[in-house]
Amino acid sequence: SFAYFTIKDRLPQILTRVIDTLHRHKNEFFEEHGEKGVEAEKRAISFLSKLRNELQTDKPVIPLEDDLPDAALWNQYLDYQRNLPNGSGEPSWFQSPWLYVECYMYRRIHAALAQNPPIDNFDVFKEGKAQNFFESQEAVIALCTYFQELLKNIKDLDEKQLQEELFKLLQVSLWGNKCDLSFSAGEDSSQKSSPLQSLENMVPYILVNDMEKVWSLLVNAKKNRTERSSVRVDIILDNAGFELVSDLVLADFLLSSKLADEVYFHGKSIPWYVSDTTKHDFNWTIKQLGSANHMWMSRCGINWEGNLKKGIWVFRDHMFWTLPHDFSSMSEVAPDLYAELQKSNLLLFKGDLNYRKLTGDRKWEYSVPFHQALNKFHPAPLCSLRTLKSDTQLGLKPGQGEQIQASEPEWMVSGKYGVVQFDAGL
């Protein structure tokens, strides 16, 4: 399966890159922290080399020994895996659910740094994320330019035109999800050309297209809102770089078109899956845009900074997003986060990892309803915007998956197909 290939090839490559990144920053650590910095770098590297060896030789998964706030939850989860009735007893790297060991690797990478001050705040993936952003400049400029031109006459658009623009920006945000560094094991995955030009040609590759449902939900929420209530959309972010810019443009459109009054963004509290968005990445991206010497890029950045100051945009991170748990256990494991999401009118879940956690990362029959796989996770109406990069997909029409499988055996993992998959909740 794709899971096997990931654990065997991709994850060791990612670890090797992390070790290499630390090596390359040795002088910087010395300049900033003296010998202590170099010692910490050596300890972190030896920790990561040991981790790589455990992975490649299929050693048992070991409890976390750090005192970070989520360690107890991780160790409880390991006990849960050990005691599964159909499990093999002691979970090991190749004898465990893929989602679990992949998340566990990123958590151990975090521990390697967190346990080694003074380099404990160093994000080993930061350079790659910045590079992805800069290499996607042309696409970012094209998108910001398109959007700023759109804003000039957004007040004159009728409902049909607004709907068309929403669908366009949902698609840009969907295909922006192709820019994923954990998928390419850190190789270049930037968006080179304007994403707007190819949208028409990409429509046939959207296997489930519930954009109409998203539109009618937002329009109804807008019509039914009272003086006291506001329409809130939450975007559970995936990758930094171009994808994040496409999400920010979508969020700005929702406000500017009055389809929403506030947007909450949810990111990761620690570096995760190579290119996932942390608070630092979020703020850095908006600052980069604001200070760009391109008029429309900087206009976007300055406006977005303003949205954050006004509180109509809010960034939140929560430990739960970097736990190995399915979202169906959120109400139990992180009741505070679940209660926060219940305040939303619409949750947009970006990307593949979120899809895997929404659906329990199982090998479902393709035609199983999305609602069923969510396993009672219904804080609010939700929609997954995801390009397929792992072998979990459901909610397809009978025969649809089998038909593609016959001509394209790699369809579920190539990133070529996408879904805009909606669930109204209860």
Protein backbone atom coordinates (compact mmCIF):
# COMPACT_ATOMS: atom_id res chain seq x y z
CA SER A 1 0.00 0.00 0.00
CA PHE A 2 0.94 3.65 -0.19
CA ALA A 3 1.31 3.55 3.61
CA TYR A 4 4.11 0.98 3.29
CA PHE A 5 5.95 3.07 0.70
CA THR A 6 5.60 6.12 2.97
CA ILE A 7 7.08 4.44 6.04
CA LYS A 8 9.77 2.62 4.07
CA ASP A 9 10.96 5.46 1.80
CA ARG A 10 9.40 8.84 2.42
CA LEU A 11 9.69 9.15 6.19
CA PRO A 12 13.40 8.18 6.34
CA GLN A 13 14.06 10.74 3.56
CA ILE A 14 12.31 13.42 5.61
CA LEU A 15 14.34 12.51 8.72
CA THR A 16 17.56 12.63 6.69
CA ARG A 17 16.65 16.12 5.50
CA VAL A 18 15.92 17.25 9.05
CA ILE A 19 19.32 15.97 10.23
CA ASP A 20 20.98 17.68 7.27
CA THR A 21 19.18 20.96 8.07
CA LEU A 22 20.49 20.90 11.65
CA HIS A 23 24.04 20.20 10.37
CA ARG A 24 23.85 23.17 8.03
CA HIS A 25 22.80 25.49 10.84
CA LYS A 26 25.64 24.48 13.15
CA ASN A 27 27.53 27.77 12.70
CA GLU A 28 24.40 29.79 13.24
CA PHE A 29 23.74 27.92 16.51
CA PHE A 30 27.33 28.59 17.56
CA GLU A 31 27.07 32.31 16.74
CA GLU A 32 23.84 32.67 18.66
CA HIS A 33 24.42 30.39 21.61
CA GLY A 34 28.12 29.49 21.66
CA GLU A 35 29.18 25.96 22.63
CA LYS A 36 25.77 25.31 24.19
CA GLY A 37 24.16 25.68 20.76
CA VAL A 38 26.59 23.22 19.16
CA GLU A 39 26.10 20.71 21.99
CA ALA A 40 22.33 20.97 21.63
CA GLU A 41 22.60 20.44 17.86
CA LYS A 42 24.70 17.30 18.40
CA ARG A 43 22.24 15.91 20.93
CA ALA A 44 19.27 16.63 18.64
CA ILE A 45 21.02 14.92 15.71
CA SER A 46 21.85 11.83 17.74
CA PHE A 47 18.23 11.69 18.94
CA LEU A 48 17.01 11.90 15.32
CA SER A 49 19.53 9.33 14.02
CA LYS A 50 18.30 6.92 16.67
CA LEU A 51 14.72 7.65 15.59
CA ARG A 52 15.59 6.94 11.95
CA ASN A 53 17.19 3.65 12.96
CA GLU A 54 14.15 2.60 15.01
CA LEU A 55 11.92 3.35 12.03
CA GLN A 56 14.01 1.53 9.44
CA THR A 57 14.45 -1.60 11.58
CA ASP A 58 10.77 -1.81 12.59
CA LYS A 59 11.41 -1.34 16.31
CA PRO A 60 8.49 -1.06 18.74
CA VAL A 61 7.00 2.42 19.18
CA ILE A 62 8.28 3.72 22.52
CA PRO A 63 6.55 6.03 25.01
CA LEU A 64 7.50 9.72 24.91
CA GLU A 65 9.88 10.70 27.68
CA ASP A 66 9.60 14.48 27.44
CA ASP A 67 7.50 16.64 29.72
CA LEU A 68 5.69 18.57 26.99
CA PRO A 69 1.99 19.16 27.72
CA ASP A 70 0.72 16.52 25.28
CA ALA A 71 3.10 13.69 26.28
CA ALA A 72 0.59 11.97 28.58
CA LEU A 73 -2.05 11.92 25.84
CA TRP A 74 0.43 10.39 23.38
CA ASN A 75 1.41 7.69 25.88
CA GLN A 76 -2.23 6.90 26.62
CA TYR A 77 -2.77 6.55 22.88
CA LEU A 78 0.14 4.10 22.69
CA ASP A 79 -1.53 2.02 25.43
CA TYR A 80 -4.76 2.12 23.46
CA GLN A 81 -2.90 0.81 20.36
CA ARG A 82 -1.26 -1.93 22.45
CA ASN A 83 -4.62 -3.13 23.69
CA LEU A 84 -6.56 -3.18 20.44
CA PRO A 85 -8.38 -6.53 20.22
CA ASN A 86 -7.20 -7.14 16.64
CA GLY A 87 -3.75 -5.61 17.15
CA SER A 88 -0.44 -7.45 17.30
CA GLY A 89 0.29 -6.42 20.89
CA GLU A 90 3.36 -4.20 20.72
CA PRO A 91 2.92 -1.55 17.99
CA SER A 92 5.99 -1.17 15.79
CA TRP A 93 6.75 1.12 12.86
CA PHE A 94 5.54 -1.30 10.17
CA GLN A 95 2.87 -3.06 12.26
CA SER A 96 0.76 -0.04 13.20
CA PRO A 97 -1.80 2.25 11.65
CA TRP A 98 -0.02 4.55 9.21
CA LEU A 99 -1.67 7.71 10.55
CA TYR A 100 -0.45 6.92 14.05
CA VAL A 101 3.22 6.26 13.27
CA GLU A 102 3.46 9.13 10.81
CA CYS A 103 2.13 11.60 13.39
CA TYR A 104 4.36 9.98 16.01
CA MET A 105 7.47 10.61 13.88
CA TYR A 106 6.72 14.35 13.64
CA ARG A 107 6.07 14.49 17.36
CA ARG A 108 9.45 12.82 18.01
CA ILE A 109 11.16 15.33 15.67
CA HIS A 110 9.60 18.08 17.76
CA ALA A 111 10.84 16.43 20.97
CA ALA A 112 14.40 16.19 19.59
CA LEU A 113 14.50 19.99 19.51
CA ALA A 114 12.19 20.83 22.40
CA GLN A 115 14.36 18.78 24.77
CA ASN A 116 17.55 20.51 23.64
CA PRO A 117 17.59 24.17 24.57
CA PRO A 118 18.83 26.67 23.48
CA ILE A 119 17.80 25.47 19.99
CA ASP A 120 14.39 24.32 21.24
CA ASN A 121 12.47 26.90 19.19
CA PHE A 122 14.18 26.13 15.90
CA ASP A 123 11.70 25.04 13.19
CA VAL A 124 13.56 22.47 11.07
CA PHE A 125 11.02 22.93 8.26
CA LYS A 126 11.00 26.73 8.17
CA GLU A 127 13.43 27.13 5.24
CA GLY A 128 11.44 24.76 3.04
CA LYS A 129 8.22 26.63 3.75
CA ALA A 130 9.83 29.99 2.97
CA GLN A 131 11.33 28.60 -0.23
CA ASN A 132 7.95 27.25 -1.32
CA PHE A 133 6.49 30.73 -0.78
CA PHE A 134 9.20 32.52 -2.77
CA GLU A 135 9.18 29.98 -5.60
CA SER A 136 5.42 30.45 -5.94
CA GLN A 137 5.79 34.23 -6.39
CA GLU A 138 4.32 34.37 -9.88
CA ALA A 139 1.24 32.46 -8.83
CA VAL A 140 0.89 34.59 -5.68
CA ILE A 141 1.13 37.79 -7.75
CA ALA A 142 -1.43 36.48 -10.24
CA LEU A 143 -3.85 35.55 -7.47
CA CYS A 144 -3.46 38.80 -5.50
CA THR A 145 -3.84 40.83 -8.70
CA TYR A 146 -6.96 38.94 -9.72
CA PHE A 147 -8.44 39.38 -6.27
CA GLN A 148 -7.71 43.09 -5.93
CA GLU A 149 -9.25 43.70 -9.36
CA LEU A 150 -12.30 41.72 -8.25
CA LEU A 151 -12.66 43.83 -5.09
CA LYS A 152 -12.97 47.02 -7.14
CA ASN A 153 -16.46 46.09 -8.30
CA ILE A 154 -17.50 43.39 -5.83
CA LYS A 155 -20.41 45.57 -4.67
CA ASP A 156 -21.89 45.50 -8.18
CA LEU A 157 -21.88 41.72 -8.57
CA ASP A 158 -25.25 39.99 -8.59
CA GLU A 159 -25.84 36.70 -6.78
CA LYS A 160 -24.96 34.53 -9.79
CA GLN A 161 -21.64 36.36 -10.29
CA LEU A 162 -20.79 36.14 -6.59
CA GLN A 163 -21.44 32.41 -6.72
CA GLU A 164 -19.12 32.06 -9.72
CA GLU A 165 -16.35 33.93 -7.91
CA LEU A 166 -16.80 31.82 -4.76
CA PHE A 167 -16.54 28.65 -6.85
CA LYS A 168 -13.38 29.94 -8.52
CA LEU A 169 -11.67 30.75 -5.23
CA LEU A 170 -12.77 27.47 -3.64
CA GLN A 171 -11.12 25.69 -6.56
CA VAL A 172 -7.93 27.74 -6.26
CA SER A 173 -7.83 26.83 -2.57
CA LEU A 174 -8.52 23.17 -3.43
CA TRP A 175 -5.74 22.90 -6.01
CA GLY A 176 -3.44 24.97 -3.81
CA ASN A 177 -3.43 21.85 -1.66
CA LYS A 178 -1.17 20.18 -4.24
CA CYS A 179 1.75 22.22 -2.84
CA ASP A 180 2.62 19.83 -0.07
CA LEU A 181 6.19 19.29 1.10
CA SER A 182 5.58 16.18 3.21
CA PHE A 183 4.15 14.55 0.09
CA SER A 184 7.20 15.37 -2.03
CA ALA A 185 9.47 14.53 0.95
CA GLY A 186 10.60 18.15 0.95
CA GLU A 187 11.36 18.39 -2.78
CA ASP A 188 10.17 21.50 -4.62
CA SER A 189 6.38 21.59 -4.75
CA SER A 190 5.70 25.24 -5.41
CA GLN A 191 2.95 26.61 -7.61
CA LYS A 192 4.71 28.01 -10.66
CA SER A 193 1.94 29.41 -12.83
CA SER A 194 -1.30 31.28 -12.29
CA PRO A 195 -3.78 28.77 -10.87
CA LEU A 196 -6.71 30.70 -12.34
CA GLN A 197 -5.98 29.85 -15.95
CA SER A 198 -6.36 26.12 -15.62
CA LEU A 199 -9.50 25.89 -13.44
CA GLU A 200 -11.84 24.99 -16.32
CA ASN A 201 -9.65 22.06 -17.34
CA MET A 202 -9.45 20.81 -13.77
CA VAL A 203 -13.19 20.52 -13.11
CA PRO A 204 -13.39 16.90 -14.37
CA TYR A 205 -10.82 15.93 -11.73
CA ILE A 206 -13.07 17.04 -8.85
CA LEU A 207 -14.56 13.66 -7.91
CA VAL A 208 -17.08 15.02 -5.42
CA ASN A 209 -18.15 18.59 -6.06
CA ASP A 210 -20.40 19.99 -3.33
CA MET A 211 -19.69 23.67 -4.02
CA GLU A 212 -23.42 24.33 -4.56
CA LYS A 213 -24.12 23.10 -1.03
CA VAL A 214 -21.44 25.37 0.42
CA TRP A 215 -22.91 28.31 -1.48
CA SER A 216 -26.50 27.70 -0.35
CA LEU A 217 -25.38 27.25 3.28
CA LEU A 218 -23.56 30.60 3.22
CA VAL A 219 -26.37 32.43 1.43
CA ASN A 220 -28.97 31.10 3.89
CA ALA A 221 -26.80 31.97 6.88
CA LYS A 222 -26.42 35.48 5.49
CA LYS A 223 -30.20 35.86 5.01
CA ASN A 224 -31.01 34.52 8.46
CA ARG A 225 -28.55 36.51 10.44
CA THR A 226 -29.92 38.96 12.97
CA GLU A 227 -28.50 42.14 14.52
CA ARG A 228 -26.86 40.10 17.25
CA SER A 229 -25.60 37.10 15.32
CA SER A 230 -22.74 37.02 12.86
CA VAL A 231 -21.79 34.44 10.24
CA ARG A 232 -18.55 32.70 11.11
CA VAL A 233 -16.43 30.48 8.87
CA ASP A 234 -13.51 28.44 10.25
CA ILE A 235 -10.66 27.27 8.01
CA ILE A 236 -8.61 24.39 9.39
CA LEU A 237 -5.38 25.10 7.55
CA ASP A 238 -2.97 22.72 5.87
CA ASN A 239 0.21 23.86 4.10
CA ALA A 240 2.04 27.17 4.35
CA GLY A 241 3.33 28.73 1.12
CA PHE A 242 1.05 29.13 -1.88
CA GLU A 243 -1.79 27.10 -0.37
CA LEU A 244 -1.99 29.42 2.63
CA VAL A 245 -2.17 32.47 0.34
CA SER A 246 -5.05 30.83 -1.56
CA ASP A 247 -6.85 30.24 1.77
CA LEU A 248 -6.32 33.86 2.83
CA VAL A 249 -7.72 35.14 -0.47
CA LEU A 250 -10.77 32.88 -0.04
CA ALA A 251 -11.24 34.19 3.52
CA ASP A 252 -10.99 37.80 2.35
CA PHE A 253 -13.53 37.11 -0.38
CA LEU A 254 -15.99 35.68 2.17
CA LEU A 255 -15.75 38.91 4.19
CA SER A 256 -15.73 41.30 1.22
CA SER A 257 -18.79 39.63 -0.33
CA LYS A 258 -20.54 39.70 3.08
CA LEU A 259 -20.97 35.91 2.95
CA ALA A 260 -19.19 35.85 6.33
CA ASP A 261 -18.56 38.36 9.10
CA GLU A 262 -15.56 36.68 10.70
CA VAL A 263 -13.06 33.98 9.79
CA TYR A 264 -11.15 31.83 12.27
CA PHE A 265 -7.99 30.08 11.08
CA HIS A 266 -6.73 26.98 12.85
CA GLY A 267 -3.06 26.07 12.53
CA LYS A 268 -0.53 23.76 14.16
CA SER A 269 1.09 24.57 17.50
CA ILE A 270 4.36 22.81 16.52
CA PRO A 271 6.14 22.24 13.17
CA TRP A 272 4.22 19.41 11.51
CA TYR A 273 4.18 17.30 8.34
CA VAL A 274 7.00 19.42 6.86
CA SER A 275 4.89 22.25 5.43
CA ASP A 276 1.92 22.65 7.77
CA THR A 277 1.09 26.19 8.89
CA THR A 278 2.15 27.35 12.36
CA LYS A 279 1.37 30.73 13.91
CA HIS A 280 4.83 31.92 12.88
CA ASP A 281 4.23 30.86 9.23
CA PHE A 282 0.83 32.57 9.24
CA ASN A 283 2.17 35.91 10.51
CA TRP A 284 5.35 35.67 8.41
CA THR A 285 3.34 35.15 5.20
CA ILE A 286 1.12 38.17 5.82
CA LYS A 287 4.20 40.30 6.65
CA GLN A 288 5.99 39.12 3.48
CA LEU A 289 2.99 40.10 1.39
CA GLY A 290 2.60 43.44 3.16
CA SER A 291 6.21 44.41 2.51
CA ALA A 292 6.34 43.07 -1.07
CA ASN A 293 7.23 45.60 -3.77
CA HIS A 294 4.27 44.47 -5.85
CA MET A 295 1.30 46.77 -5.40
CA TRP A 296 -1.46 44.14 -5.19
CA MET A 297 0.55 41.73 -3.07
CA SER A 298 1.29 44.42 -0.53
CA ARG A 299 -2.33 45.63 -0.61
CA CYS A 300 -3.43 42.09 0.32
CA GLY A 301 -0.88 41.83 3.12
CA ILE A 302 -1.75 45.23 4.59
CA ASN A 303 -5.50 44.54 4.46
CA TRP A 304 -5.04 41.15 6.10
CA GLU A 305 -2.92 42.61 8.86
CA GLY A 306 -5.84 45.01 9.38
CA ASN A 307 -8.35 42.14 9.55
CA LEU A 308 -6.29 40.55 12.33
CA LYS A 309 -6.08 43.83 14.24
CA LYS A 310 -9.83 44.37 13.93
CA GLY A 311 -10.46 40.85 15.18
CA ILE A 312 -12.54 39.81 12.15
CA TRP A 313 -9.73 37.36 11.39
CA VAL A 314 -8.50 35.23 14.27
CA PHE A 315 -5.66 32.70 14.27
CA ARG A 316 -5.85 29.84 16.76
CA ASP A 317 -3.67 26.83 17.35
CA HIS A 318 -4.51 23.87 19.56
CA MET A 319 -2.54 20.86 20.70
CA PHE A 320 -5.28 18.54 19.41
CA TRP A 321 -4.38 19.16 15.75
CA THR A 322 -0.99 17.50 16.35
CA LEU A 323 -2.24 14.47 18.24
CA PRO A 324 -2.71 11.09 16.50
CA HIS A 325 -6.44 10.97 17.29
CA ASP A 326 -9.25 10.89 14.75
CA PHE A 327 -11.52 13.90 14.88
CA SER A 328 -14.35 11.66 16.12
CA SER A 329 -12.63 11.67 19.52
CA MET A 330 -12.25 15.48 19.66
CA SER A 331 -15.32 16.02 21.85
CA GLU A 332 -13.74 13.69 24.42
CA VAL A 333 -10.02 14.56 24.13
CA ALA A 334 -10.37 18.31 23.45
CA PRO A 335 -13.87 19.39 24.50
CA ASP A 336 -12.74 23.05 24.50
CA LEU A 337 -11.81 22.91 20.81
CA TYR A 338 -15.00 21.04 19.92
CA ALA A 339 -17.07 23.72 21.71
CA GLU A 340 -15.16 26.43 19.80
CA LEU A 341 -15.92 24.77 16.43
CA GLN A 342 -19.61 24.50 17.36
CA LYS A 343 -19.78 28.32 17.18
CA SER A 344 -19.06 28.18 13.46
CA ASN A 345 -21.52 28.25 10.55
CA LEU A 346 -19.11 26.37 8.29
CA LEU A 347 -15.86 24.47 8.86
CA LEU A 348 -13.51 24.18 5.87
CA PHE A 349 -10.99 21.39 6.41
CA LYS A 350 -8.00 21.75 4.12
CA GLY A 351 -5.91 18.90 2.85
CA ASP A 352 -5.21 15.24 3.09
CA LEU A 353 -4.21 14.81 6.73
CA ASN A 354 -7.43 16.49 7.86
CA TYR A 355 -9.38 14.18 5.54
CA ARG A 356 -7.66 11.14 6.98
CA LYS A 357 -8.50 12.27 10.50
CA LEU A 358 -12.09 13.11 9.56
CA THR A 359 -12.64 9.62 8.16
CA GLY A 360 -10.52 7.57 10.56
CA ASP A 361 -7.96 6.84 7.81
CA ARG A 362 -9.53 3.49 6.97
CA LYS A 363 -9.70 1.51 3.77
CA TRP A 364 -13.32 2.35 3.09
CA GLU A 365 -15.40 1.14 0.19
CA TYR A 366 -15.49 4.09 -2.21
CA SER A 367 -19.27 4.45 -2.03
CA VAL A 368 -19.60 4.62 1.78
CA PRO A 369 -21.28 7.96 2.63
CA PHE A 370 -18.96 10.68 3.94
CA HIS A 371 -21.41 11.30 6.80
CA GLN A 372 -21.03 7.72 8.03
CA ALA A 373 -17.23 7.84 8.06
CA LEU A 374 -17.27 11.03 10.16
CA ASN A 375 -18.41 8.78 13.00
CA LYS A 376 -20.56 11.37 14.79
CA PHE A 377 -18.05 14.22 14.38
CA HIS A 378 -20.53 17.06 13.79
CA PRO A 379 -19.60 20.26 15.58
CA ALA A 380 -21.00 22.27 12.63
CA PRO A 381 -21.61 21.86 8.88
CA LEU A 382 -18.25 21.00 7.32
CA CYS A 383 -16.55 20.73 3.98
CA SER A 384 -13.30 19.02 3.07
CA LEU A 385 -11.17 20.62 0.33
CA ARG A 386 -8.57 18.03 -0.45
CA THR A 387 -6.39 16.71 -3.26
CA LEU A 388 -5.97 12.94 -2.98
CA LYS A 389 -2.56 11.94 -1.61
CA SER A 390 -3.39 8.86 0.44
CA ASP A 391 -5.49 5.78 -0.17
CA THR A 392 -8.63 6.82 1.69
CA GLN A 393 -11.57 8.11 -0.33
CA LEU A 394 -15.29 7.68 0.10
CA GLY A 395 -18.61 9.26 -0.77
CA LEU A 396 -18.15 8.43 -4.48
CA LYS A 397 -20.93 7.32 -6.81
CA PRO A 398 -21.26 3.53 -7.21
CA GLY A 399 -18.59 2.33 -9.64
CA GLN A 400 -16.84 5.72 -9.86
CA GLY A 401 -13.72 4.69 -7.90
CA GLU A 402 -13.44 1.31 -9.61
CA GLN A 403 -13.69 2.94 -13.02
CA ILE A 404 -10.77 5.33 -12.35
CA GLN A 405 -8.80 2.53 -10.66
CA ALA A 406 -8.98 0.48 -13.85
CA SER A 407 -7.21 3.12 -15.94
CA GLU A 408 -5.15 4.90 -13.24
CA PRO A 409 -3.97 2.61 -10.44
CA GLU A 410 -2.24 5.57 -8.74
CA TRP A 411 -5.28 7.87 -8.75
CA MET A 412 -5.63 8.02 -4.96
CA VAL A 413 -2.09 9.13 -4.27
CA SER A 414 -1.05 11.28 -7.24
CA GLY A 415 -2.58 14.59 -6.13
CA LYS A 416 -4.24 14.81 -9.55
CA TYR A 417 -7.79 14.38 -8.21
CA GLY A 418 -9.61 16.46 -5.63
CA VAL A 419 -12.84 16.65 -3.66
CA VAL A 420 -15.00 19.44 -2.29
CA GLN A 421 -16.97 17.20 0.03
CA PHE A 422 -19.70 18.63 2.25
CA ASP A 423 -21.55 17.29 5.26
CA ALA A 424 -24.46 19.22 6.74
CA GLY A 425 -24.07 17.58 10.14
CA LEU A 426 -26.91 16.10 12.11
